[in-house]
Amino acid sequence: MIRLYSNQIQRFQDLAPGEPFRLTEEVIWIDLLTPEAELVAELEKQLGVDLPTREELKDIEPSSRLYQE
């Protein structure tokens, strides 16, 4: 599932699995809960970044979990 928070509508919008979406400048928060691989790939494409996997995040010490490109 994906939840987007838009500054324009000032609330979260839940998207159903497989529902198409387009990130706009108004989206200021993206919340992922057990995302499908296709969803992660689409987010990476739209954002232009590689998102870390859960396994990669587990390997990071809790005090060092700031993630930057």
N, C-alpha and C. Protein backbone atom coordinates (compact mmCIF):
# COMPACT_ATOMS: atom_id res chain seq x y z
N MET A 1 0.84 -1.18 0.00
CA MET A 1 0.00 0.00 0.00
C MET A 1 0.89 1.24 0.00
N ILE A 2 0.37 2.27 -0.60
CA ILE A 2 1.06 3.55 -0.60
C ILE A 2 0.10 4.62 -0.11
N ARG A 3 0.63 5.52 0.70
CA ARG A 3 -0.13 6.69 1.16
C ARG A 3 0.67 7.91 0.76
N LEU A 4 0.01 8.83 0.10
CA LEU A 4 0.64 10.07 -0.29
C LEU A 4 0.01 11.21 0.48
N TYR A 5 0.84 12.10 1.01
CA TYR A 5 0.31 13.31 1.63
C TYR A 5 0.56 14.46 0.69
N SER A 6 -0.51 15.11 0.32
CA SER A 6 -0.43 16.23 -0.62
C SER A 6 -0.63 17.54 0.12
N ASN A 7 0.26 18.47 -0.13
CA ASN A 7 0.15 19.80 0.46
C ASN A 7 -1.08 20.52 -0.09
N GLN A 8 -1.48 20.16 -1.30
CA GLN A 8 -2.61 20.81 -1.95
C GLN A 8 -3.93 20.46 -1.27
N ILE A 9 -4.16 19.17 -1.00
CA ILE A 9 -5.42 18.76 -0.37
C ILE A 9 -5.29 18.60 1.14
N GLN A 10 -4.08 18.68 1.66
CA GLN A 10 -3.75 18.63 3.08
C GLN A 10 -4.35 17.42 3.80
N ARG A 11 -4.17 16.28 3.18
CA ARG A 11 -4.58 15.03 3.80
C ARG A 11 -3.88 13.88 3.09
N PHE A 12 -3.93 12.69 3.72
CA PHE A 12 -3.37 11.50 3.10
C PHE A 12 -4.35 10.95 2.07
N GLN A 13 -3.78 10.40 1.02
CA GLN A 13 -4.56 9.73 -0.01
C GLN A 13 -4.03 8.30 -0.11
N ASP A 14 -4.89 7.33 0.17
CA ASP A 14 -4.51 5.92 0.05
C ASP A 14 -4.74 5.45 -1.37
N LEU A 15 -3.73 4.79 -1.93
CA LEU A 15 -3.86 4.24 -3.27
C LEU A 15 -3.96 2.73 -3.19
N ALA A 16 -4.86 2.18 -3.95
CA ALA A 16 -5.03 0.72 -4.00
C ALA A 16 -3.86 0.10 -4.74
N PRO A 17 -3.53 -1.16 -4.42
CA PRO A 17 -2.46 -1.84 -5.15
C PRO A 17 -2.74 -1.83 -6.64
N GLY A 18 -1.73 -1.47 -7.42
CA GLY A 18 -1.87 -1.43 -8.87
C GLY A 18 -2.49 -0.15 -9.41
N GLU A 19 -2.99 0.71 -8.52
CA GLU A 19 -3.59 1.96 -8.99
C GLU A 19 -2.50 2.89 -9.51
N PRO A 20 -2.66 3.40 -10.72
CA PRO A 20 -1.62 4.29 -11.27
C PRO A 20 -1.57 5.61 -10.50
N PHE A 21 -0.39 6.18 -10.44
CA PHE A 21 -0.23 7.45 -9.75
C PHE A 21 0.89 8.24 -10.40
N ARG A 22 0.89 9.53 -10.15
CA ARG A 22 1.95 10.40 -10.64
C ARG A 22 2.31 11.34 -9.51
N LEU A 23 3.58 11.35 -9.15
CA LEU A 23 4.03 12.24 -8.10
C LEU A 23 4.12 13.66 -8.64
N THR A 24 3.58 14.58 -7.87
CA THR A 24 3.62 15.99 -8.25
C THR A 24 4.38 16.76 -7.18
N GLU A 25 4.62 18.02 -7.41
CA GLU A 25 5.32 18.86 -6.44
C GLU A 25 4.54 19.02 -5.15
N GLU A 26 3.22 18.79 -5.19
CA GLU A 26 2.39 18.93 -3.99
C GLU A 26 2.56 17.77 -3.02
N VAL A 27 3.08 16.63 -3.49
CA VAL A 27 3.28 15.47 -2.62
C VAL A 27 4.52 15.72 -1.76
N ILE A 28 4.31 15.78 -0.44
CA ILE A 28 5.42 16.06 0.46
C ILE A 28 5.75 14.88 1.36
N TRP A 29 4.95 13.82 1.33
CA TRP A 29 5.21 12.64 2.16
C TRP A 29 4.75 11.41 1.41
N ILE A 30 5.59 10.37 1.40
CA ILE A 30 5.24 9.09 0.80
C ILE A 30 5.42 8.04 1.87
N ASP A 31 4.35 7.33 2.19
CA ASP A 31 4.37 6.31 3.23
C ASP A 31 4.13 4.96 2.58
N LEU A 32 5.09 4.04 2.76
CA LEU A 32 4.98 2.71 2.17
C LEU A 32 4.82 1.67 3.28
N LEU A 33 3.87 0.78 3.10
CA LEU A 33 3.67 -0.32 4.04
C LEU A 33 3.64 -1.60 3.22
N THR A 34 4.65 -2.41 3.37
CA THR A 34 4.83 -3.65 2.60
C THR A 34 4.54 -3.43 1.11
N PRO A 35 5.33 -2.59 0.46
CA PRO A 35 5.08 -2.28 -0.96
C PRO A 35 5.46 -3.44 -1.87
N GLU A 36 4.73 -3.56 -2.96
CA GLU A 36 5.05 -4.55 -3.98
C GLU A 36 6.28 -4.08 -4.75
N ALA A 37 7.02 -5.01 -5.33
CA ALA A 37 8.23 -4.68 -6.08
C ALA A 37 7.95 -3.72 -7.22
N GLU A 38 6.81 -3.89 -7.89
CA GLU A 38 6.44 -3.01 -9.00
C GLU A 38 6.25 -1.57 -8.51
N LEU A 39 5.67 -1.42 -7.33
CA LEU A 39 5.44 -0.09 -6.76
C LEU A 39 6.76 0.59 -6.42
N VAL A 40 7.67 -0.16 -5.82
CA VAL A 40 8.99 0.39 -5.48
C VAL A 40 9.71 0.81 -6.76
N ALA A 41 9.63 -0.01 -7.80
CA ALA A 41 10.28 0.32 -9.07
C ALA A 41 9.70 1.59 -9.66
N GLU A 42 8.38 1.75 -9.60
CA GLU A 42 7.75 2.96 -10.13
C GLU A 42 8.13 4.19 -9.32
N LEU A 43 8.18 4.06 -8.00
CA LEU A 43 8.61 5.18 -7.16
C LEU A 43 10.05 5.58 -7.46
N GLU A 44 10.93 4.59 -7.58
CA GLU A 44 12.32 4.88 -7.90
C GLU A 44 12.43 5.61 -9.23
N LYS A 45 11.64 5.18 -10.19
CA LYS A 45 11.65 5.81 -11.51
C LYS A 45 11.18 7.26 -11.42
N GLN A 46 10.06 7.50 -10.72
CA GLN A 46 9.51 8.85 -10.63
C GLN A 46 10.37 9.78 -9.77
N LEU A 47 10.99 9.22 -8.73
CA LEU A 47 11.82 10.04 -7.84
C LEU A 47 13.25 10.20 -8.35
N GLY A 48 13.70 9.25 -9.17
CA GLY A 48 15.07 9.30 -9.66
C GLY A 48 16.10 8.90 -8.62
N VAL A 49 15.71 8.02 -7.69
CA VAL A 49 16.62 7.54 -6.65
C VAL A 49 16.42 6.03 -6.47
N ASP A 50 17.42 5.38 -5.87
CA ASP A 50 17.30 3.98 -5.48
C ASP A 50 16.85 3.93 -4.03
N LEU A 51 15.71 3.30 -3.77
CA LEU A 51 15.23 3.17 -2.40
C LEU A 51 15.89 1.96 -1.74
N PRO A 52 16.31 2.08 -0.48
CA PRO A 52 16.92 0.94 0.20
C PRO A 52 15.89 -0.14 0.51
N THR A 53 16.33 -1.39 0.47
CA THR A 53 15.45 -2.50 0.81
C THR A 53 15.40 -2.64 2.33
N ARG A 54 14.44 -3.43 2.80
CA ARG A 54 14.35 -3.68 4.25
C ARG A 54 15.63 -4.34 4.76
N GLU A 55 16.20 -5.23 3.96
CA GLU A 55 17.43 -5.91 4.35
C GLU A 55 18.57 -4.91 4.50
N GLU A 56 18.66 -3.97 3.56
CA GLU A 56 19.71 -2.95 3.64
C GLU A 56 19.52 -2.07 4.87
N LEU A 57 18.29 -1.75 5.20
CA LEU A 57 18.03 -0.92 6.37
C LEU A 57 18.34 -1.66 7.67
N LYS A 58 18.13 -2.98 7.69
CA LYS A 58 18.43 -3.77 8.89
C LYS A 58 19.92 -3.78 9.19
N ASP A 59 20.74 -3.68 8.15
CA ASP A 59 22.19 -3.71 8.32
C ASP A 59 22.76 -2.39 8.86
N ILE A 60 21.95 -1.36 8.88
CA ILE A 60 22.41 -0.05 9.35
C ILE A 60 22.18 0.06 10.85
N GLU A 61 23.18 0.52 11.57
CA GLU A 61 23.03 0.73 13.01
C GLU A 61 21.91 1.74 13.26
N PRO A 62 21.10 1.55 14.30
CA PRO A 62 20.01 2.48 14.58
C PRO A 62 20.46 3.95 14.67
N SER A 63 21.65 4.18 15.16
CA SER A 63 22.12 5.56 15.31
C SER A 63 22.59 6.16 13.99
N SER A 64 22.63 5.34 12.93
CA SER A 64 23.14 5.81 11.64
C SER A 64 22.12 5.67 10.53
N ARG A 65 20.85 5.74 10.84
CA ARG A 65 19.82 5.46 9.84
C ARG A 65 19.42 6.64 8.98
N LEU A 66 20.17 7.72 9.00
CA LEU A 66 19.93 8.80 8.06
C LEU A 66 20.40 8.33 6.71
N TYR A 67 19.54 8.38 5.72
CA TYR A 67 19.87 7.87 4.39
C TYR A 67 19.95 9.03 3.43
N GLN A 68 21.10 9.20 2.79
CA GLN A 68 21.27 10.26 1.81
C GLN A 68 21.89 9.69 0.57
N GLU A 69 21.55 10.28 -0.57
CA GLU A 69 22.15 9.91 -1.85
C GLU A 69 23.39 10.74 -2.04
